[in-house]
Amino acid sequence: MDEYLTINFDNYPVRFTFDGKVSVIDVIKAVSDSNHPFPIWEKLITEHPEVLMYCENYSFQKEESLPVVGGKGWEKILKFLPYYVLRQGLI
């Protein structure tokens, strides 16, 4: 089990690694106000696979590994994320 820090944004917990990376799935949940972040993430990485080079997998507690990303990676992801969040009802 890896160590991490959780910060709540509204009603959504967002997990951070101790080296400053954030859970992509948690942020998508918080930003989209959705309990179904995986379709948004899957669509984004299907259409923009280059963002994956900034991600790594991290295991939070007993869960399967989830993508985490640092600051430079978020710059890339945030260019695309609003489009996919707005489209979430159409995905």
PDB file of N, CA and C in Angstrom:
ATOM      1  N   MET A   1       0.841  -1.169   0.000  1.00  0.00           N
ATOM      2  CA  MET A   1       0.000   0.000   0.000  1.00  0.00           C
ATOM      3  C   MET A   1       0.895   1.244   0.000  1.00  0.00           C
ATOM      4  N   ASP A   2       0.681   2.118  -0.954  1.00  0.00           N
ATOM      5  CA  ASP A   2       1.437   3.348  -1.030  1.00  0.00           C
ATOM      6  C   ASP A   2       0.771   4.422  -0.185  1.00  0.00           C
ATOM      7  N   GLU A   3       1.575   5.358   0.280  1.00  0.00           N
ATOM      8  CA  GLU A   3       1.049   6.445   1.091  1.00  0.00           C
ATOM      9  C   GLU A   3       0.572   7.579   0.193  1.00  0.00           C
ATOM     10  N   TYR A   4      -0.428   8.309   0.688  1.00  0.00           N
ATOM     11  CA  TYR A   4      -0.963   9.420  -0.083  1.00  0.00           C
ATOM     12  C   TYR A   4      -1.693  10.389   0.830  1.00  0.00           C
ATOM     13  N   LEU A   5      -2.046  11.538   0.279  1.00  0.00           N
ATOM     14  CA  LEU A   5      -2.770  12.585   0.984  1.00  0.00           C
ATOM     15  C   LEU A   5      -4.087  12.811   0.255  1.00  0.00           C
ATOM     16  N   THR A   6      -5.171  13.003   1.000  1.00  0.00           N
ATOM     17  CA  THR A   6      -6.482  13.266   0.399  1.00  0.00           C
ATOM     18  C   THR A   6      -6.936  14.666   0.782  1.00  0.00           C
ATOM     19  N   ILE A   7      -7.373  15.420  -0.223  1.00  0.00           N
ATOM     20  CA  ILE A   7      -7.951  16.746  -0.007  1.00  0.00           C
ATOM     21  C   ILE A   7      -9.341  16.724  -0.622  1.00  0.00           C
ATOM     22  N   ASN A   8     -10.333  17.195   0.123  1.00  0.00           N
ATOM     23  CA  ASN A   8     -11.705  17.216  -0.384  1.00  0.00           C
ATOM     24  C   ASN A   8     -11.983  18.511  -1.142  1.00  0.00           C
ATOM     25  N   PHE A   9     -12.497  18.350  -2.343  1.00  0.00           N
ATOM     26  CA  PHE A   9     -12.960  19.465  -3.158  1.00  0.00           C
ATOM     27  C   PHE A   9     -14.463  19.303  -3.281  1.00  0.00           C
ATOM     28  N   ASP A  10     -15.191  20.199  -2.646  1.00  0.00           N
ATOM     29  CA  ASP A  10     -16.634  20.045  -2.487  1.00  0.00           C
ATOM     30  C   ASP A  10     -16.879  18.687  -1.839  1.00  0.00           C
ATOM     31  N   ASN A  11     -17.603  17.812  -2.465  1.00  0.00           N
ATOM     32  CA  ASN A  11     -17.878  16.497  -1.878  1.00  0.00           C
ATOM     33  C   ASN A  11     -16.988  15.395  -2.442  1.00  0.00           C
ATOM     34  N   TYR A  12     -15.957  15.772  -3.177  1.00  0.00           N
ATOM     35  CA  TYR A  12     -15.120  14.777  -3.842  1.00  0.00           C
ATOM     36  C   TYR A  12     -13.720  14.727  -3.242  1.00  0.00           C
ATOM     37  N   PRO A  13     -13.309  13.558  -2.756  1.00  0.00           N
ATOM     38  CA  PRO A  13     -11.938  13.422  -2.280  1.00  0.00           C
ATOM     39  C   PRO A  13     -10.983  13.302  -3.471  1.00  0.00           C
ATOM     40  N   VAL A  14      -9.905  14.059  -3.430  1.00  0.00           N
ATOM     41  CA  VAL A  14      -8.887  14.005  -4.477  1.00  0.00           C
ATOM     42  C   VAL A  14      -7.585  13.577  -3.819  1.00  0.00           C
ATOM     43  N   ARG A  15      -7.027  12.488  -4.322  1.00  0.00           N
ATOM     44  CA  ARG A  15      -5.824  11.919  -3.729  1.00  0.00           C
ATOM     45  C   ARG A  15      -4.564  12.429  -4.424  1.00  0.00           C
ATOM     46  N   PHE A  16      -3.560  12.699  -3.594  1.00  0.00           N
ATOM     47  CA  PHE A  16      -2.252  13.155  -4.063  1.00  0.00           C
ATOM     48  C   PHE A  16      -1.179  12.213  -3.534  1.00  0.00           C
ATOM     49  N   THR A  17      -0.183  11.930  -4.345  1.00  0.00           N
ATOM     50  CA  THR A  17       0.971  11.189  -3.857  1.00  0.00           C
ATOM     51  C   THR A  17       1.835  12.165  -3.063  1.00  0.00           C
ATOM     52  N   PHE A  18       2.714  11.641  -2.241  1.00  0.00           N
ATOM     53  CA  PHE A  18       3.554  12.530  -1.450  1.00  0.00           C
ATOM     54  C   PHE A  18       4.615  13.240  -2.283  1.00  0.00           C
ATOM     55  N   ASP A  19       4.811  12.806  -3.526  1.00  0.00           N
ATOM     56  CA  ASP A  19       5.730  13.550  -4.395  1.00  0.00           C
ATOM     57  C   ASP A  19       4.991  14.541  -5.293  1.00  0.00           C
ATOM     58  N   GLY A  20       3.711  14.816  -4.976  1.00  0.00           N
ATOM     59  CA  GLY A  20       2.990  15.901  -5.628  1.00  0.00           C
ATOM     60  C   GLY A  20       2.147  15.544  -6.836  1.00  0.00           C
ATOM     61  N   LYS A  21       2.027  14.277  -7.159  1.00  0.00           N
ATOM     62  CA  LYS A  21       1.191  13.893  -8.294  1.00  0.00           C
ATOM     63  C   LYS A  21      -0.243  13.700  -7.815  1.00  0.00           C
ATOM     64  N   VAL A  22      -1.188  13.930  -8.712  1.00  0.00           N
ATOM     65  CA  VAL A  22      -2.600  13.873  -8.351  1.00  0.00           C
ATOM     66  C   VAL A  22      -3.290  12.780  -9.165  1.00  0.00           C
ATOM     67  N   SER A  23      -4.311  12.172  -8.570  1.00  0.00           N
ATOM     68  CA  SER A  23      -5.078  11.149  -9.259  1.00  0.00           C
ATOM     69  C   SER A  23      -5.919  11.781 -10.366  1.00  0.00           C
ATOM     70  N   VAL A  24      -5.683  11.362 -11.586  1.00  0.00           N
ATOM     71  CA  VAL A  24      -6.420  11.890 -12.738  1.00  0.00           C
ATOM     72  C   VAL A  24      -7.911  11.591 -12.585  1.00  0.00           C
ATOM     73  N   ILE A  25      -8.235  10.390 -12.179  1.00  0.00           N
ATOM     74  CA  ILE A  25      -9.636   9.974 -12.050  1.00  0.00           C
ATOM     75  C   ILE A  25     -10.351  10.800 -10.986  1.00  0.00           C
ATOM     76  N   ASP A  26      -9.691  11.055  -9.860  1.00  0.00           N
ATOM     77  CA  ASP A  26     -10.311  11.861  -8.801  1.00  0.00           C
ATOM     78  C   ASP A  26     -10.608  13.273  -9.285  1.00  0.00           C
ATOM     79  N   VAL A  27      -9.677  13.870 -10.001  1.00  0.00           N
ATOM     80  CA  VAL A  27      -9.895  15.236 -10.487  1.00  0.00           C
ATOM     81  C   VAL A  27     -11.009  15.276 -11.523  1.00  0.00           C
ATOM     82  N   ILE A  28     -11.055  14.295 -12.405  1.00  0.00           N
ATOM     83  CA  ILE A  28     -12.139  14.258 -13.392  1.00  0.00           C
ATOM     84  C   ILE A  28     -13.485  14.145 -12.679  1.00  0.00           C
ATOM     85  N   LYS A  29     -13.550  13.312 -11.627  1.00  0.00           N
ATOM     86  CA  LYS A  29     -14.784  13.201 -10.835  1.00  0.00           C
ATOM     87  C   LYS A  29     -15.187  14.551 -10.264  1.00  0.00           C
ATOM     88  N   ALA A  30     -14.243  15.250  -9.659  1.00  0.00           N
ATOM     89  CA  ALA A  30     -14.536  16.528  -9.013  1.00  0.00           C
ATOM     90  C   ALA A  30     -14.918  17.602 -10.019  1.00  0.00           C
ATOM     91  N   VAL A  31     -14.202  17.659 -11.126  1.00  0.00           N
ATOM     92  CA  VAL A  31     -14.450  18.695 -12.135  1.00  0.00           C
ATOM     93  C   VAL A  31     -15.761  18.455 -12.871  1.00  0.00           C
ATOM     94  N   SER A  32     -16.052  17.196 -13.143  1.00  0.00           N
ATOM     95  CA  SER A  32     -17.248  16.874 -13.929  1.00  0.00           C
ATOM     96  C   SER A  32     -18.494  16.685 -13.066  1.00  0.00           C
ATOM     97  N   ASP A  33     -18.306  16.624 -11.736  1.00  0.00           N
ATOM     98  CA  ASP A  33     -19.412  16.356 -10.816  1.00  0.00           C
ATOM     99  C   ASP A  33     -20.109  15.058 -11.205  1.00  0.00           C
ATOM    100  N   SER A  34     -19.273  14.050 -11.500  1.00  0.00           N
ATOM    101  CA  SER A  34     -19.783  12.769 -11.976  1.00  0.00           C
ATOM    102  C   SER A  34     -19.140  11.632 -11.195  1.00  0.00           C
ATOM    103  N   ASN A  35     -19.909  10.604 -10.949  1.00  0.00           N
ATOM    104  CA  ASN A  35     -19.361   9.390 -10.349  1.00  0.00           C
ATOM    105  C   ASN A  35     -18.879   8.406 -11.404  1.00  0.00           C
ATOM    106  N   HIS A  36     -18.831   8.863 -12.643  1.00  0.00           N
ATOM    107  CA  HIS A  36     -18.408   8.007 -13.760  1.00  0.00           C
ATOM    108  C   HIS A  36     -17.305   8.697 -14.567  1.00  0.00           C
ATOM    109  N   PRO A  37     -16.099   8.825 -13.968  1.00  0.00           N
ATOM    110  CA  PRO A  37     -15.019   9.534 -14.651  1.00  0.00           C
ATOM    111  C   PRO A  37     -14.308   8.709 -15.713  1.00  0.00           C
ATOM    112  N   PHE A  38     -14.406   7.388 -15.639  1.00  0.00           N
ATOM    113  CA  PHE A  38     -13.629   6.545 -16.549  1.00  0.00           C
ATOM    114  C   PHE A  38     -13.987   6.733 -18.024  1.00  0.00           C
ATOM    115  N   PRO A  39     -15.267   6.864 -18.397  1.00  0.00           N
ATOM    116  CA  PRO A  39     -15.557   7.112 -19.821  1.00  0.00           C
ATOM    117  C   PRO A  39     -14.946   8.421 -20.335  1.00  0.00           C
ATOM    118  N   ILE A  40     -14.931   9.441 -19.493  1.00  0.00           N
ATOM    119  CA  ILE A  40     -14.328  10.715 -19.889  1.00  0.00           C
ATOM    120  C   ILE A  40     -12.831  10.514 -20.130  1.00  0.00           C
ATOM    121  N   TRP A  41     -12.165   9.857 -19.182  1.00  0.00           N
ATOM    122  CA  TRP A  41     -10.730   9.612 -19.292  1.00  0.00           C
ATOM    123  C   TRP A  41     -10.414   8.735 -20.507  1.00  0.00           C
ATOM    124  N   GLU A  42     -11.181   7.682 -20.704  1.00  0.00           N
ATOM    125  CA  GLU A  42     -10.948   6.784 -21.838  1.00  0.00           C
ATOM    126  C   GLU A  42     -11.085   7.512 -23.177  1.00  0.00           C
ATOM    127  N   LYS A  43     -12.091   8.343 -23.287  1.00  0.00           N
ATOM    128  CA  LYS A  43     -12.292   9.105 -24.530  1.00  0.00           C
ATOM    129  C   LYS A  43     -11.132  10.080 -24.757  1.00  0.00           C
ATOM    130  N   LEU A  44     -10.713  10.763 -23.693  1.00  0.00           N
ATOM    131  CA  LEU A  44      -9.605  11.715 -23.802  1.00  0.00           C
ATOM    132  C   LEU A  44      -8.323  11.019 -24.247  1.00  0.00           C
ATOM    133  N   ILE A  45      -7.975   9.901 -23.621  1.00  0.00           N
ATOM    134  CA  ILE A  45      -6.712   9.247 -23.986  1.00  0.00           C
ATOM    135  C   ILE A  45      -6.797   8.520 -25.327  1.00  0.00           C
ATOM    136  N   THR A  46      -8.005   8.165 -25.747  1.00  0.00           N
ATOM    137  CA  THR A  46      -8.154   7.566 -27.077  1.00  0.00           C
ATOM    138  C   THR A  46      -7.873   8.603 -28.156  1.00  0.00           C
ATOM    139  N   GLU A  47      -8.363   9.808 -27.940  1.00  0.00           N
ATOM    140  CA  GLU A  47      -8.194  10.858 -28.934  1.00  0.00           C
ATOM    141  C   GLU A  47      -6.895  11.646 -28.763  1.00  0.00           C
ATOM    142  N   HIS A  48      -6.291  11.584 -27.570  1.00  0.00           N
ATOM    143  CA  HIS A  48      -5.040  12.307 -27.290  1.00  0.00           C
ATOM    144  C   HIS A  48      -4.091  11.417 -26.490  1.00  0.00           C
ATOM    145  N   PRO A  49      -3.620  10.322 -27.088  1.00  0.00           N
ATOM    146  CA  PRO A  49      -2.785   9.373 -26.347  1.00  0.00           C
ATOM    147  C   PRO A  49      -1.458   9.959 -25.871  1.00  0.00           C
ATOM    148  N   GLU A  50      -1.060  11.095 -26.415  1.00  0.00           N
ATOM    149  CA  GLU A  50       0.200  11.711 -26.000  1.00  0.00           C
ATOM    150  C   GLU A  50       0.208  12.116 -24.532  1.00  0.00           C
ATOM    151  N   VAL A  51      -0.962  12.316 -23.922  1.00  0.00           N
ATOM    152  CA  VAL A  51      -0.993  12.698 -22.509  1.00  0.00           C
ATOM    153  C   VAL A  51      -0.526  11.553 -21.608  1.00  0.00           C
ATOM    154  N   LEU A  52      -0.603  10.333 -22.102  1.00  0.00           N
ATOM    155  CA  LEU A  52      -0.193   9.183 -21.292  1.00  0.00           C
ATOM    156  C   LEU A  52       1.295   9.182 -20.986  1.00  0.00           C
ATOM    157  N   MET A  53       2.096   9.860 -21.808  1.00  0.00           N
ATOM    158  CA  MET A  53       3.536   9.886 -21.531  1.00  0.00           C
ATOM    159  C   MET A  53       3.864  10.690 -20.273  1.00  0.00           C
ATOM    160  N   TYR A  54       2.901  11.458 -19.768  1.00  0.00           N
ATOM    161  CA  TYR A  54       3.086  12.233 -18.542  1.00  0.00           C
ATOM    162  C   TYR A  54       2.498  11.531 -17.322  1.00  0.00           C
ATOM    163  N   CYS A  55       1.822  10.428 -17.541  1.00  0.00           N
ATOM    164  CA  CYS A  55       1.134   9.711 -16.465  1.00  0.00           C
ATOM    165  C   CYS A  55       1.942   8.512 -15.998  1.00  0.00           C
ATOM    166  N   GLU A  56       1.684   8.123 -14.772  1.00  0.00           N
ATOM    167  CA  GLU A  56       2.188   6.851 -14.265  1.00  0.00           C
ATOM    168  C   GLU A  56       1.090   6.244 -13.409  1.00  0.00           C
ATOM    169  N   ASN A  57       1.175   4.967 -13.174  1.00  0.00           N
ATOM    170  CA  ASN A  57       0.169   4.290 -12.353  1.00  0.00           C
ATOM    171  C   ASN A  57       0.607   4.300 -10.899  1.00  0.00           C
ATOM    172  N   TYR A  58      -0.368   4.441 -10.025  1.00  0.00           N
ATOM    173  CA  TYR A  58      -0.108   4.494  -8.589  1.00  0.00           C
ATOM    174  C   TYR A  58      -1.220   3.730  -7.888  1.00  0.00           C
ATOM    175  N   SER A  59      -0.852   2.931  -6.922  1.00  0.00           N
ATOM    176  CA  SER A  59      -1.830   2.124  -6.195  1.00  0.00           C
ATOM    177  C   SER A  59      -2.220   2.825  -4.900  1.00  0.00           C
ATOM    178  N   PHE A  60      -3.478   3.237  -4.808  1.00  0.00           N
ATOM    179  CA  PHE A  60      -4.012   3.855  -3.601  1.00  0.00           C
ATOM    180  C   PHE A  60      -4.693   2.769  -2.783  1.00  0.00           C
ATOM    181  N   GLN A  61      -4.210   2.519  -1.600  1.00  0.00           N
ATOM    182  CA  GLN A  61      -4.707   1.477  -0.706  1.00  0.00           C
ATOM    183  C   GLN A  61      -4.772   0.145  -1.427  1.00  0.00           C
ATOM    184  N   LYS A  62      -5.909  -0.526  -1.343  1.00  0.00           N
ATOM    185  CA  LYS A  62      -6.034  -1.854  -1.938  1.00  0.00           C
ATOM    186  C   LYS A  62      -6.648  -1.805  -3.325  1.00  0.00           C
ATOM    187  N   GLU A  63      -6.807  -0.615  -3.869  1.00  0.00           N
ATOM    188  CA  GLU A  63      -7.412  -0.469  -5.193  1.00  0.00           C
ATOM    189  C   GLU A  63      -6.402  -0.822  -6.278  1.00  0.00           C
ATOM    190  N   GLU A  64      -6.921  -1.043  -7.462  1.00  0.00           N
ATOM    191  CA  GLU A  64      -6.018  -1.233  -8.584  1.00  0.00           C
ATOM    192  C   GLU A  64      -5.322   0.092  -8.873  1.00  0.00           C
ATOM    193  N   SER A  65      -4.248   0.036  -9.620  1.00  0.00           N
ATOM    194  CA  SER A  65      -3.491   1.240  -9.935  1.00  0.00           C
ATOM    195  C   SER A  65      -4.328   2.204 -10.762  1.00  0.00           C
ATOM    196  N   LEU A  66      -4.175   3.486 -10.451  1.00  0.00           N
ATOM    197  CA  LEU A  66      -4.859   4.549 -11.174  1.00  0.00           C
ATOM    198  C   LEU A  66      -3.821   5.507 -11.737  1.00  0.00           C
ATOM    199  N   PRO A  67      -4.158   6.213 -12.818  1.00  0.00           N
ATOM    200  CA  PRO A  67      -3.195   7.165 -13.362  1.00  0.00           C
ATOM    201  C   PRO A  67      -3.045   8.380 -12.455  1.00  0.00           C
ATOM    202  N   VAL A  68      -1.791   8.788 -12.266  1.00  0.00           N
ATOM    203  CA  VAL A  68      -1.476  10.023 -11.563  1.00  0.00           C
ATOM    204  C   VAL A  68      -0.592  10.850 -12.481  1.00  0.00           C
ATOM    205  N   VAL A  69      -0.580  12.151 -12.231  1.00  0.00           N
ATOM    206  CA  VAL A  69       0.172  13.045 -13.091  1.00  0.00           C
ATOM    207  C   VAL A  69       0.677  14.227 -12.274  1.00  0.00           C
ATOM    208  N   GLY A  70       1.830  14.753 -12.682  1.00  0.00           N
ATOM    209  CA  GLY A  70       2.407  15.939 -12.057  1.00  0.00           C
ATOM    210  C   GLY A  70       2.004  17.192 -12.811  1.00  0.00           C
ATOM    211  N   GLY A  71       2.616  18.303 -12.444  1.00  0.00           N
ATOM    212  CA  GLY A  71       2.242  19.610 -12.980  1.00  0.00           C
ATOM    213  C   GLY A  71       2.323  19.734 -14.491  1.00  0.00           C
ATOM    214  N   LYS A  72       3.420  19.295 -15.094  1.00  0.00           N
ATOM    215  CA  LYS A  72       3.568  19.422 -16.544  1.00  0.00           C
ATOM    216  C   LYS A  72       2.515  18.599 -17.281  1.00  0.00           C
ATOM    217  N   GLY A  73       2.225  17.425 -16.754  1.00  0.00           N
ATOM    218  CA  GLY A  73       1.198  16.591 -17.363  1.00  0.00           C
ATOM    219  C   GLY A  73      -0.180  17.219 -17.265  1.00  0.00           C
ATOM    220  N   TRP A  74      -0.449  17.888 -16.124  1.00  0.00           N
ATOM    221  CA  TRP A  74      -1.751  18.546 -15.987  1.00  0.00           C
ATOM    222  C   TRP A  74      -1.910  19.677 -16.981  1.00  0.00           C
ATOM    223  N   GLU A  75      -0.814  20.354 -17.299  1.00  0.00           N
ATOM    224  CA  GLU A  75      -0.894  21.397 -18.323  1.00  0.00           C
ATOM    225  C   GLU A  75      -1.424  20.808 -19.626  1.00  0.00           C
ATOM    226  N   LYS A  76      -0.940  19.644 -19.986  1.00  0.00           N
ATOM    227  CA  LYS A  76      -1.377  18.977 -21.225  1.00  0.00           C
ATOM    228  C   LYS A  76      -2.819  18.504 -21.116  1.00  0.00           C
ATOM    229  N   ILE A  77      -3.152  17.826 -20.024  1.00  0.00           N
ATOM    230  CA  ILE A  77      -4.493  17.272 -19.851  1.00  0.00           C
ATOM    231  C   ILE A  77      -5.540  18.389 -19.791  1.00  0.00           C
ATOM    232  N   LEU A  78      -5.220  19.470 -19.091  1.00  0.00           N
ATOM    233  CA  LEU A  78      -6.188  20.560 -18.927  1.00  0.00           C
ATOM    234  C   LEU A  78      -6.508  21.281 -20.233  1.00  0.00           C
ATOM    235  N   LYS A  79      -5.672  21.120 -21.228  1.00  0.00           N
ATOM    236  CA  LYS A  79      -6.001  21.676 -22.549  1.00  0.00           C
ATOM    237  C   LYS A  79      -7.214  20.972 -23.148  1.00  0.00           C
ATOM    238  N   PHE A  80      -7.353  19.700 -22.833  1.00  0.00           N
ATOM    239  CA  PHE A  80      -8.397  18.877 -23.445  1.00  0.00           C
ATOM    240  C   PHE A  80      -9.579  18.594 -22.525  1.00  0.00           C
ATOM    241  N   LEU A  81      -9.349  18.544 -21.233  1.00  0.00           N
ATOM    242  CA  LEU A  81     -10.364  18.083 -20.285  1.00  0.00           C
ATOM    243  C   LEU A  81     -11.688  18.842 -20.345  1.00  0.00           C
ATOM    244  N   PRO A  82     -11.707  20.173 -20.420  1.00  0.00           N
ATOM    245  CA  PRO A  82     -13.007  20.860 -20.452  1.00  0.00           C
ATOM    246  C   PRO A  82     -13.916  20.387 -21.585  1.00  0.00           C
ATOM    247  N   TYR A  83     -13.344  20.120 -22.738  1.00  0.00           N
ATOM    248  CA  TYR A  83     -14.121  19.634 -23.879  1.00  0.00           C
ATOM    249  C   TYR A  83     -14.806  18.310 -23.537  1.00  0.00           C
ATOM    250  N   TYR A  84     -14.078  17.397 -22.922  1.00  0.00           N
ATOM    251  CA  TYR A  84     -14.632  16.078 -22.609  1.00  0.00           C
ATOM    252  C   TYR A  84     -15.620  16.127 -21.446  1.00  0.00           C
ATOM    253  N   VAL A  85     -15.393  17.020 -20.500  1.00  0.00           N
ATOM    254  CA  VAL A  85     -16.340  17.179 -19.400  1.00  0.00           C
ATOM    255  C   VAL A  85     -17.660  17.729 -19.933  1.00  0.00           C
ATOM    256  N   LEU A  86     -17.582  18.709 -20.829  1.00  0.00           N
ATOM    257  CA  LEU A  86     -18.800  19.264 -21.405  1.00  0.00           C
ATOM    258  C   LEU A  86     -19.546  18.240 -22.237  1.00  0.00           C
ATOM    259  N   ARG A  87     -18.829  17.342 -22.873  1.00  0.00           N
ATOM    260  CA  ARG A  87     -19.430  16.296 -23.712  1.00  0.00           C
ATOM    261  C   ARG A  87     -19.888  15.085 -22.943  1.00  0.00           C
ATOM    262  N   GLN A  88     -19.680  15.048 -21.633  1.00  0.00           N
ATOM    263  CA  GLN A  88     -19.896  13.818 -20.874  1.00  0.00           C
ATOM    264  C   GLN A  88     -21.288  13.220 -21.068  1.00  0.00           C
ATOM    265  N   GLY A  89     -22.288  14.030 -21.283  1.00  0.00           N
ATOM    266  CA  GLY A  89     -23.631  13.502 -21.510  1.00  0.00           C
ATOM    267  C   GLY A  89     -23.791  12.854 -22.877  1.00  0.00           C
ATOM    268  N   LEU A  90     -22.847  13.150 -23.770  1.00  0.00           N
ATOM    269  CA  LEU A  90     -22.916  12.618 -25.127  1.00  0.00           C
ATOM    270  C   LEU A  90     -22.014  11.415 -25.330  1.00  0.00           C
ATOM    271  N   ILE A  91     -21.147  11.150 -24.361  1.00  0.00           N
ATOM    272  CA  ILE A  91     -20.176  10.055 -24.506  1.00  0.00           C
ATOM    273  C   ILE A  91     -20.840   8.730 -24.217  1.00  0.00           C
TER     274      ILE A  91
END
